[in-house]
Amino acid sequence: MAFGGENAESYHDEGLTAMMKGDIAAAVQFFTRAIQMDNTYAASYHQLGKCYLRLGEPRKAVELLRQVVAHKPNLLPAKIDLGYALLATNAADEARAQFGAIIETQPQNARANLGMAHVCFHVGAWENAVAFAQAARMHGGANFATLYVLGRAAQRAGMQVIAEDALAEAEKLIEKSVELTPDSPEGHYLRGEVCFAQGRFGPALEHYRAAEDRADPKKYYLAFGENFTRVDIMAKRGLCLQRMGNTEGAKELGKKILAIAPENKLAQSLAEL
């Protein structure tokens, strides 16, 4: 029984508490129970959708978030979360429609602009990705998620000064995150990602190793809009080895990953070096 009693509100509150503690599996159980108690409880559908997105099950997230948006079309956080869930299923056009509808009426909505930047990045529209990321920064501040997509998009668009400045700022922010939670893999992994984007493969390799040492093999991580697993960290280590000229090391790591995750495409390419 939930702490506040046998009702939807109490189970929903327990779910929120579990999410704050990072226990997403428990949160799923609480939100599911809340919906069983009251199948019109939109807030629990919304949070359950967010849980499935964090667990790497975006199709389940899309199904739940569609229901929320259908019943509460003016609930912008749900529309934005639906946009990200759609993008995670490679439904870029539908994600663009979600974010675009918000920007049309609220051009200063930072999360919607950031979502559109991710859509543009996903489809290779680099200059548009830069423009939307800059809008997200203008309206929402210089947070890691915005700076990271801005830096990578600017690199591909040939805007080197913007790219260098954005990635340098992103690195400073994620360094602070690592200082606050040194035992969590997320910050170490994202430091590796920034260094990799900067072409600093030696430091990237070290950060990926630190992340791998701290990562749970059974867990799916989501931080600042970037999702990854322990296998993904290993694959990024392999890429670093390849870029640093250690082809044999990269190849062996690719084979090791395939023993764990035979369908991993990056590992397949590493193993074939």
C-alpha atoms as a PDB file:
ATOM      1  CA  MET A   1       0.000   0.000   0.000  1.00  0.00           C
ATOM      2  CA  ALA A   2       1.182   3.529  -0.762  1.00  0.00           C
ATOM      3  CA  PHE A   3       2.195   5.690   2.185  1.00  0.00           C
ATOM      4  CA  GLY A   4      -0.743   8.077   1.714  1.00  0.00           C
ATOM      5  CA  GLY A   5      -3.377   5.368   1.331  1.00  0.00           C
ATOM      6  CA  GLU A   6      -4.922   3.138  -1.307  1.00  0.00           C
ATOM      7  CA  ASN A   7      -5.659   5.778  -3.953  1.00  0.00           C
ATOM      8  CA  ALA A   8      -4.258   7.012  -7.275  1.00  0.00           C
ATOM      9  CA  GLU A   9      -2.798  10.212  -5.847  1.00  0.00           C
ATOM     10  CA  SER A  10      -0.754   8.349  -3.236  1.00  0.00           C
ATOM     11  CA  TYR A  11       0.653   5.866  -5.743  1.00  0.00           C
ATOM     12  CA  HIS A  12       1.460   8.737  -8.103  1.00  0.00           C
ATOM     13  CA  ASP A  13       3.363  10.529  -5.333  1.00  0.00           C
ATOM     14  CA  GLU A  14       5.265   7.322  -4.550  1.00  0.00           C
ATOM     15  CA  GLY A  15       6.163   7.094  -8.224  1.00  0.00           C
ATOM     16  CA  LEU A  16       7.521  10.636  -8.256  1.00  0.00           C
ATOM     17  CA  THR A  17       9.612   9.861  -5.182  1.00  0.00           C
ATOM     18  CA  ALA A  18      11.008   6.725  -6.822  1.00  0.00           C
ATOM     19  CA  MET A  19      11.903   8.712  -9.960  1.00  0.00           C
ATOM     20  CA  MET A  20      13.757  11.289  -7.879  1.00  0.00           C
ATOM     21  CA  LYS A  21      15.763   8.462  -6.303  1.00  0.00           C
ATOM     22  CA  GLY A  22      16.562   7.029  -9.734  1.00  0.00           C
ATOM     23  CA  ASP A  23      14.576   3.832  -9.125  1.00  0.00           C
ATOM     24  CA  ILE A  24      12.720   3.879 -12.435  1.00  0.00           C
ATOM     25  CA  ALA A  25      11.542   0.267 -12.216  1.00  0.00           C
ATOM     26  CA  ALA A  26       9.784   1.007  -8.932  1.00  0.00           C
ATOM     27  CA  ALA A  27       8.352   4.212 -10.378  1.00  0.00           C
ATOM     28  CA  VAL A  28       6.815   2.201 -13.227  1.00  0.00           C
ATOM     29  CA  GLN A  29       5.060  -0.031 -10.722  1.00  0.00           C
ATOM     30  CA  PHE A  30       3.693   2.906  -8.741  1.00  0.00           C
ATOM     31  CA  PHE A  31       2.442   4.841 -11.783  1.00  0.00           C
ATOM     32  CA  THR A  32       0.906   1.672 -13.219  1.00  0.00           C
ATOM     33  CA  ARG A  33      -0.904   1.085  -9.943  1.00  0.00           C
ATOM     34  CA  ALA A  34      -2.120   4.695  -9.925  1.00  0.00           C
ATOM     35  CA  ILE A  35      -3.597   4.195 -13.401  1.00  0.00           C
ATOM     36  CA  GLN A  36      -5.243   0.971 -12.270  1.00  0.00           C
ATOM     37  CA  MET A  37      -6.838   2.902  -9.428  1.00  0.00           C
ATOM     38  CA  ASP A  38      -7.964   5.726 -11.743  1.00  0.00           C
ATOM     39  CA  ASN A  39      -7.658   5.199 -15.493  1.00  0.00           C
ATOM     40  CA  THR A  40      -8.268   8.904 -16.128  1.00  0.00           C
ATOM     41  CA  TYR A  41      -5.248  10.028 -14.089  1.00  0.00           C
ATOM     42  CA  ALA A  42      -3.360  11.803 -16.889  1.00  0.00           C
ATOM     43  CA  ALA A  43      -0.389  12.793 -14.737  1.00  0.00           C
ATOM     44  CA  SER A  44       0.478   9.141 -14.116  1.00  0.00           C
ATOM     45  CA  TYR A  45       0.192   8.290 -17.831  1.00  0.00           C
ATOM     46  CA  HIS A  46       2.591  11.172 -18.494  1.00  0.00           C
ATOM     47  CA  GLN A  47       5.130  10.124 -15.880  1.00  0.00           C
ATOM     48  CA  LEU A  48       4.871   6.467 -16.885  1.00  0.00           C
ATOM     49  CA  GLY A  49       5.675   7.495 -20.448  1.00  0.00           C
ATOM     50  CA  LYS A  50       8.734   9.385 -19.221  1.00  0.00           C
ATOM     51  CA  CYS A  51       9.798   6.299 -17.263  1.00  0.00           C
ATOM     52  CA  TYR A  52       9.645   4.091 -20.342  1.00  0.00           C
ATOM     53  CA  LEU A  53      11.668   6.645 -22.279  1.00  0.00           C
ATOM     54  CA  ARG A  54      14.341   6.515 -19.572  1.00  0.00           C
ATOM     55  CA  LEU A  55      14.249   2.712 -19.672  1.00  0.00           C
ATOM     56  CA  GLY A  56      14.983   2.699 -23.396  1.00  0.00           C
ATOM     57  CA  GLU A  57      11.470   1.694 -24.448  1.00  0.00           C
ATOM     58  CA  PRO A  58      10.385   4.700 -26.526  1.00  0.00           C
ATOM     59  CA  ARG A  59       7.537   2.922 -28.318  1.00  0.00           C
ATOM     60  CA  LYS A  60       5.780   2.292 -25.013  1.00  0.00           C
ATOM     61  CA  ALA A  61       6.475   5.915 -24.124  1.00  0.00           C
ATOM     62  CA  VAL A  62       4.916   7.106 -27.388  1.00  0.00           C
ATOM     63  CA  GLU A  63       1.764   5.060 -26.787  1.00  0.00           C
ATOM     64  CA  LEU A  64       1.262   6.519 -23.317  1.00  0.00           C
ATOM     65  CA  LEU A  65       2.177  10.091 -24.213  1.00  0.00           C
ATOM     66  CA  ARG A  66      -0.159  10.068 -27.211  1.00  0.00           C
ATOM     67  CA  GLN A  67      -3.002   9.321 -24.817  1.00  0.00           C
ATOM     68  CA  VAL A  68      -2.012  12.228 -22.583  1.00  0.00           C
ATOM     69  CA  VAL A  69      -1.774  14.672 -25.474  1.00  0.00           C
ATOM     70  CA  ALA A  70      -5.083  13.449 -26.914  1.00  0.00           C
ATOM     71  CA  HIS A  71      -6.884  14.164 -23.639  1.00  0.00           C
ATOM     72  CA  LYS A  72      -4.875  17.273 -22.698  1.00  0.00           C
ATOM     73  CA  PRO A  73      -3.763  18.913 -25.964  1.00  0.00           C
ATOM     74  CA  ASN A  74      -2.640  22.070 -24.173  1.00  0.00           C
ATOM     75  CA  LEU A  75      -0.282  20.256 -21.815  1.00  0.00           C
ATOM     76  CA  LEU A  76       2.992  21.404 -23.374  1.00  0.00           C
ATOM     77  CA  PRO A  77       5.393  19.293 -21.264  1.00  0.00           C
ATOM     78  CA  ALA A  78       3.616  16.146 -22.468  1.00  0.00           C
ATOM     79  CA  LYS A  79       3.780  17.317 -26.101  1.00  0.00           C
ATOM     80  CA  ILE A  80       7.504  17.976 -25.762  1.00  0.00           C
ATOM     81  CA  ASP A  81       8.109  14.587 -24.125  1.00  0.00           C
ATOM     82  CA  LEU A  82       6.096  12.971 -26.920  1.00  0.00           C
ATOM     83  CA  GLY A  83       8.320  14.735 -29.442  1.00  0.00           C
ATOM     84  CA  TYR A  84      11.451  13.274 -27.864  1.00  0.00           C
ATOM     85  CA  ALA A  85       9.884   9.809 -27.636  1.00  0.00           C
ATOM     86  CA  LEU A  86       8.946   9.972 -31.319  1.00  0.00           C
ATOM     87  CA  LEU A  87      12.469  11.025 -32.234  1.00  0.00           C
ATOM     88  CA  ALA A  88      13.814   8.061 -30.250  1.00  0.00           C
ATOM     89  CA  THR A  89      11.756   5.790 -32.530  1.00  0.00           C
ATOM     90  CA  ASN A  90      13.210   7.587 -35.608  1.00  0.00           C
ATOM     91  CA  ALA A  91       9.852   9.237 -36.335  1.00  0.00           C
ATOM     92  CA  ALA A  92      11.570  12.548 -37.095  1.00  0.00           C
ATOM     93  CA  ASP A  93       8.701  14.056 -39.105  1.00  0.00           C
ATOM     94  CA  GLU A  94       6.177  13.431 -36.333  1.00  0.00           C
ATOM     95  CA  ALA A  95       8.618  14.787 -33.737  1.00  0.00           C
ATOM     96  CA  ARG A  96       9.125  17.883 -35.873  1.00  0.00           C
ATOM     97  CA  ALA A  97       5.350  18.386 -35.974  1.00  0.00           C
ATOM     98  CA  GLN A  98       5.114  18.228 -32.174  1.00  0.00           C
ATOM     99  CA  PHE A  99       7.917  20.705 -31.551  1.00  0.00           C
ATOM    100  CA  GLY A 100       6.914  22.924 -34.466  1.00  0.00           C
ATOM    101  CA  ALA A 101       3.345  23.301 -33.226  1.00  0.00           C
ATOM    102  CA  ILE A 102       4.643  24.596 -29.907  1.00  0.00           C
ATOM    103  CA  ILE A 103       7.189  26.961 -31.473  1.00  0.00           C
ATOM    104  CA  GLU A 104       4.499  28.374 -33.744  1.00  0.00           C
ATOM    105  CA  THR A 105       2.518  29.643 -30.754  1.00  0.00           C
ATOM    106  CA  GLN A 106       5.402  29.983 -28.262  1.00  0.00           C
ATOM    107  CA  PRO A 107       8.587  30.821 -30.203  1.00  0.00           C
ATOM    108  CA  GLN A 108      10.429  31.436 -26.943  1.00  0.00           C
ATOM    109  CA  ASN A 109       9.831  27.929 -25.571  1.00  0.00           C
ATOM    110  CA  ALA A 110      13.382  26.728 -24.912  1.00  0.00           C
ATOM    111  CA  ARG A 111      12.568  23.005 -24.652  1.00  0.00           C
ATOM    112  CA  ALA A 112      10.654  23.033 -27.929  1.00  0.00           C
ATOM    113  CA  ASN A 113      13.522  24.832 -29.680  1.00  0.00           C
ATOM    114  CA  LEU A 114      15.983  22.329 -28.267  1.00  0.00           C
ATOM    115  CA  GLY A 115      13.759  19.491 -29.415  1.00  0.00           C
ATOM    116  CA  MET A 116      13.677  20.949 -32.909  1.00  0.00           C
ATOM    117  CA  ALA A 117      17.483  21.263 -32.814  1.00  0.00           C
ATOM    118  CA  HIS A 118      17.665  17.535 -32.073  1.00  0.00           C
ATOM    119  CA  VAL A 119      15.295  16.779 -34.948  1.00  0.00           C
ATOM    120  CA  CYS A 120      17.402  18.839 -37.352  1.00  0.00           C
ATOM    121  CA  PHE A 121      20.580  17.166 -36.089  1.00  0.00           C
ATOM    122  CA  HIS A 122      18.954  13.761 -36.524  1.00  0.00           C
ATOM    123  CA  VAL A 123      18.183  14.445 -40.204  1.00  0.00           C
ATOM    124  CA  GLY A 124      21.480  16.196 -40.958  1.00  0.00           C
ATOM    125  CA  ALA A 125      20.148  19.754 -41.286  1.00  0.00           C
ATOM    126  CA  TRP A 126      23.172  21.162 -39.485  1.00  0.00           C
ATOM    127  CA  GLU A 127      22.622  24.900 -39.972  1.00  0.00           C
ATOM    128  CA  ASN A 128      18.998  24.627 -38.849  1.00  0.00           C
ATOM    129  CA  ALA A 129      20.114  22.622 -35.830  1.00  0.00           C
ATOM    130  CA  VAL A 130      22.528  25.419 -34.929  1.00  0.00           C
ATOM    131  CA  ALA A 131      19.799  28.056 -35.289  1.00  0.00           C
ATOM    132  CA  PHE A 132      17.323  26.199 -33.082  1.00  0.00           C
ATOM    133  CA  ALA A 133      20.004  25.385 -30.489  1.00  0.00           C
ATOM    134  CA  GLN A 134      20.963  29.053 -30.370  1.00  0.00           C
ATOM    135  CA  ALA A 135      17.310  29.951 -29.851  1.00  0.00           C
ATOM    136  CA  ALA A 136      17.090  27.385 -27.044  1.00  0.00           C
ATOM    137  CA  ARG A 137      20.162  28.924 -25.457  1.00  0.00           C
ATOM    138  CA  MET A 138      18.794  32.436 -25.790  1.00  0.00           C
ATOM    139  CA  HIS A 139      15.488  31.555 -24.161  1.00  0.00           C
ATOM    140  CA  GLY A 140      16.560  28.841 -21.727  1.00  0.00           C
ATOM    141  CA  GLY A 141      20.160  29.559 -20.821  1.00  0.00           C
ATOM    142  CA  ALA A 142      23.469  27.796 -21.430  1.00  0.00           C
ATOM    143  CA  ASN A 143      22.716  24.300 -20.108  1.00  0.00           C
ATOM    144  CA  PHE A 144      24.682  21.197 -21.062  1.00  0.00           C
ATOM    145  CA  ALA A 145      22.074  19.659 -23.353  1.00  0.00           C
ATOM    146  CA  THR A 146      21.801  22.837 -25.432  1.00  0.00           C
ATOM    147  CA  LEU A 147      25.534  23.506 -25.607  1.00  0.00           C
ATOM    148  CA  TYR A 148      26.324  19.912 -26.568  1.00  0.00           C
ATOM    149  CA  VAL A 149      23.956  19.756 -29.529  1.00  0.00           C
ATOM    150  CA  LEU A 150      24.961  23.294 -30.531  1.00  0.00           C
ATOM    151  CA  GLY A 151      28.637  22.388 -30.529  1.00  0.00           C
ATOM    152  CA  ARG A 152      28.221  19.206 -32.553  1.00  0.00           C
ATOM    153  CA  ALA A 153      25.856  20.781 -35.055  1.00  0.00           C
ATOM    154  CA  ALA A 154      28.154  23.788 -35.513  1.00  0.00           C
ATOM    155  CA  GLN A 155      31.074  21.440 -36.170  1.00  0.00           C
ATOM    156  CA  ARG A 156      29.221  19.744 -38.985  1.00  0.00           C
ATOM    157  CA  ALA A 157      28.034  23.084 -40.356  1.00  0.00           C
ATOM    158  CA  GLY A 158      31.622  24.324 -40.527  1.00  0.00           C
ATOM    159  CA  MET A 159      31.074  26.958 -37.821  1.00  0.00           C
ATOM    160  CA  GLN A 160      34.238  26.157 -35.919  1.00  0.00           C
ATOM    161  CA  VAL A 161      34.321  29.132 -33.543  1.00  0.00           C
ATOM    162  CA  ILE A 162      30.751  28.486 -32.383  1.00  0.00           C
ATOM    163  CA  ALA A 163      31.522  24.765 -32.069  1.00  0.00           C
ATOM    164  CA  GLU A 164      34.678  25.261 -30.022  1.00  0.00           C
ATOM    165  CA  ASP A 165      33.073  27.765 -27.660  1.00  0.00           C
ATOM    166  CA  ALA A 166      29.939  25.669 -27.113  1.00  0.00           C
ATOM    167  CA  LEU A 167      31.823  22.428 -26.465  1.00  0.00           C
ATOM    168  CA  ALA A 168      34.243  24.175 -24.095  1.00  0.00           C
ATOM    169  CA  GLU A 169      31.302  25.548 -22.098  1.00  0.00           C
ATOM    170  CA  ALA A 170      29.621  22.138 -22.120  1.00  0.00           C
ATOM    171  CA  GLU A 171      32.777  20.526 -20.743  1.00  0.00           C
ATOM    172  CA  LYS A 172      32.986  23.011 -17.870  1.00  0.00           C
ATOM    173  CA  LEU A 173      29.372  22.309 -16.921  1.00  0.00           C
ATOM    174  CA  ILE A 174      29.751  18.541 -16.986  1.00  0.00           C
ATOM    175  CA  GLU A 175      32.965  18.771 -14.957  1.00  0.00           C
ATOM    176  CA  LYS A 176      30.890  20.312 -12.159  1.00  0.00           C
ATOM    177  CA  SER A 177      28.400  17.457 -12.446  1.00  0.00           C
ATOM    178  CA  VAL A 178      31.195  14.917 -12.019  1.00  0.00           C
ATOM    179  CA  GLU A 179      32.469  16.774  -8.959  1.00  0.00           C
ATOM    180  CA  LEU A 180      29.012  16.578  -7.381  1.00  0.00           C
ATOM    181  CA  THR A 181      28.340  12.917  -8.244  1.00  0.00           C
ATOM    182  CA  PRO A 182      31.736  11.271  -8.903  1.00  0.00           C
ATOM    183  CA  ASP A 183      30.389   7.726  -8.516  1.00  0.00           C
ATOM    184  CA  SER A 184      27.710   8.098 -11.190  1.00  0.00           C
ATOM    185  CA  PRO A 185      28.585   7.043 -14.757  1.00  0.00           C
ATOM    186  CA  GLU A 186      26.552   9.753 -16.496  1.00  0.00           C
ATOM    187  CA  GLY A 187      28.959  12.643 -15.974  1.00  0.00           C
ATOM    188  CA  HIS A 188      32.013  10.607 -16.914  1.00  0.00           C
ATOM    189  CA  TYR A 189      30.335   9.347 -20.073  1.00  0.00           C
ATOM    190  CA  LEU A 190      29.278  12.839 -21.135  1.00  0.00           C
ATOM    191  CA  ARG A 191      32.774  14.189 -20.495  1.00  0.00           C
ATOM    192  CA  GLY A 192      33.966  11.448 -22.810  1.00  0.00           C
ATOM    193  CA  GLU A 193      31.414  12.482 -25.405  1.00  0.00           C
ATOM    194  CA  VAL A 194      32.525  16.121 -25.298  1.00  0.00           C
ATOM    195  CA  CYS A 195      36.205  15.187 -25.566  1.00  0.00           C
ATOM    196  CA  PHE A 196      35.418  12.831 -28.443  1.00  0.00           C
ATOM    197  CA  ALA A 197      33.562  15.608 -30.260  1.00  0.00           C
ATOM    198  CA  GLN A 198      36.582  17.848 -29.730  1.00  0.00           C
ATOM    199  CA  GLY A 199      38.903  15.226 -31.220  1.00  0.00           C
ATOM    200  CA  ARG A 200      40.659  14.664 -27.890  1.00  0.00           C
ATOM    201  CA  PHE A 201      40.568  10.876 -28.010  1.00  0.00           C
ATOM    202  CA  GLY A 202      43.042  10.184 -25.183  1.00  0.00           C
ATOM    203  CA  PRO A 203      41.048  12.060 -22.528  1.00  0.00           C
ATOM    204  CA  ALA A 204      37.818  10.707 -24.023  1.00  0.00           C
ATOM    205  CA  LEU A 205      39.098   7.161 -23.570  1.00  0.00           C
ATOM    206  CA  GLU A 206      39.871   7.791 -19.908  1.00  0.00           C
ATOM    207  CA  HIS A 207      36.450   9.285 -19.244  1.00  0.00           C
ATOM    208  CA  TYR A 208      34.729   6.375 -20.995  1.00  0.00           C
ATOM    209  CA  ARG A 209      36.734   3.943 -18.848  1.00  0.00           C
ATOM    210  CA  ALA A 210      35.636   5.772 -15.712  1.00  0.00           C
ATOM    211  CA  ALA A 211      32.019   5.609 -16.891  1.00  0.00           C
ATOM    212  CA  GLU A 212      32.272   1.901 -17.710  1.00  0.00           C
ATOM    213  CA  ASP A 213      33.690   1.140 -14.262  1.00  0.00           C
ATOM    214  CA  ARG A 214      30.658   2.787 -12.664  1.00  0.00           C
ATOM    215  CA  ALA A 215      27.921   1.584 -15.025  1.00  0.00           C
ATOM    216  CA  ASP A 216      25.443  -1.170 -14.234  1.00  0.00           C
ATOM    217  CA  PRO A 217      25.364  -3.673 -17.151  1.00  0.00           C
ATOM    218  CA  LYS A 218      21.591  -4.039 -16.753  1.00  0.00           C
ATOM    219  CA  LYS A 219      20.744  -0.343 -16.613  1.00  0.00           C
ATOM    220  CA  TYR A 220      19.716   2.102 -19.346  1.00  0.00           C
ATOM    221  CA  TYR A 221      20.973   5.608 -18.641  1.00  0.00           C
ATOM    222  CA  LEU A 222      19.481   8.933 -19.715  1.00  0.00           C
ATOM    223  CA  ALA A 223      21.176  12.214 -18.857  1.00  0.00           C
ATOM    224  CA  PHE A 224      20.681  15.649 -20.401  1.00  0.00           C
ATOM    225  CA  GLY A 225      18.810  14.068 -23.290  1.00  0.00           C
ATOM    226  CA  GLU A 226      21.614  11.594 -24.079  1.00  0.00           C
ATOM    227  CA  ASN A 227      20.912   7.902 -23.538  1.00  0.00           C
ATOM    228  CA  PHE A 228      23.408   5.061 -23.270  1.00  0.00           C
ATOM    229  CA  THR A 229      24.148   1.647 -21.808  1.00  0.00           C
ATOM    230  CA  ARG A 230      27.362   0.054 -20.592  1.00  0.00           C
ATOM    231  CA  VAL A 231      27.695  -1.566 -24.009  1.00  0.00           C
ATOM    232  CA  ASP A 232      27.510   1.861 -25.652  1.00  0.00           C
ATOM    233  CA  ILE A 233      30.341   3.045 -23.404  1.00  0.00           C
ATOM    234  CA  MET A 234      32.467   0.076 -24.433  1.00  0.00           C
ATOM    235  CA  ALA A 235      31.755   0.786 -28.103  1.00  0.00           C
ATOM    236  CA  LYS A 236      32.850   4.400 -27.666  1.00  0.00           C
ATOM    237  CA  ARG A 237      36.072   3.154 -26.098  1.00  0.00           C
ATOM    238  CA  GLY A 238      36.572   1.061 -29.204  1.00  0.00           C
ATOM    239  CA  LEU A 239      36.095   4.102 -31.416  1.00  0.00           C
ATOM    240  CA  CYS A 240      38.693   5.986 -29.408  1.00  0.00           C
ATOM    241  CA  LEU A 241      41.179   3.161 -29.840  1.00  0.00           C
ATOM    242  CA  GLN A 242      40.512   3.136 -33.581  1.00  0.00           C
ATOM    243  CA  ARG A 243      40.971   6.911 -33.880  1.00  0.00           C
ATOM    244  CA  MET A 244      44.216   6.669 -31.908  1.00  0.00           C
ATOM    245  CA  GLY A 245      45.586   4.056 -34.322  1.00  0.00           C
ATOM    246  CA  ASN A 246      45.152   1.015 -32.068  1.00  0.00           C
ATOM    247  CA  THR A 247      43.260  -1.053 -34.630  1.00  0.00           C
ATOM    248  CA  GLU A 248      43.894  -4.381 -32.940  1.00  0.00           C
ATOM    249  CA  GLY A 249      42.692  -3.098 -29.598  1.00  0.00           C
ATOM    250  CA  ALA A 250      39.551  -1.709 -31.196  1.00  0.00           C
ATOM    251  CA  LYS A 251      38.943  -4.976 -33.028  1.00  0.00           C
ATOM    252  CA  GLU A 252      39.304  -7.084 -29.892  1.00  0.00           C
ATOM    253  CA  LEU A 253      36.968  -4.801 -27.976  1.00  0.00           C
ATOM    254  CA  GLY A 254      34.442  -5.078 -30.804  1.00  0.00           C
ATOM    255  CA  LYS A 255      34.520  -8.870 -30.495  1.00  0.00           C
ATOM    256  CA  LYS A 256      34.112  -8.625 -26.732  1.00  0.00           C
ATOM    257  CA  ILE A 257      31.040  -6.432 -27.158  1.00  0.00           C
ATOM    258  CA  LEU A 258      29.514  -8.800 -29.712  1.00  0.00           C
ATOM    259  CA  ALA A 259      29.715 -11.613 -27.168  1.00  0.00           C
ATOM    260  CA  ILE A 260      27.422  -9.509 -24.974  1.00  0.00           C
ATOM    261  CA  ALA A 261      25.335  -7.717 -27.611  1.00  0.00           C
ATOM    262  CA  PRO A 262      25.485  -9.563 -30.974  1.00  0.00           C
ATOM    263  CA  GLU A 263      23.264  -6.996 -32.719  1.00  0.00           C
ATOM    264  CA  ASN A 264      25.385  -3.956 -31.849  1.00  0.00           C
ATOM    265  CA  LYS A 265      26.245  -2.394 -35.200  1.00  0.00           C
ATOM    266  CA  LEU A 266      29.151  -0.306 -33.957  1.00  0.00           C
ATOM    267  CA  ALA A 267      30.714  -3.392 -32.376  1.00  0.00           C
ATOM    268  CA  GLN A 268      30.253  -5.248 -35.664  1.00  0.00           C
ATOM    269  CA  SER A 269      32.144  -2.550 -37.543  1.00  0.00           C
ATOM    270  CA  LEU A 270      34.930  -2.562 -34.949  1.00  0.00           C
ATOM    271  CA  ALA A 271      35.264  -6.350 -35.088  1.00  0.00           C
ATOM    272  CA  GLU A 272      35.680  -6.189 -38.868  1.00  0.00           C
ATOM    273  CA  LEU A 273      38.617  -3.757 -38.786  1.00  0.00           C
END
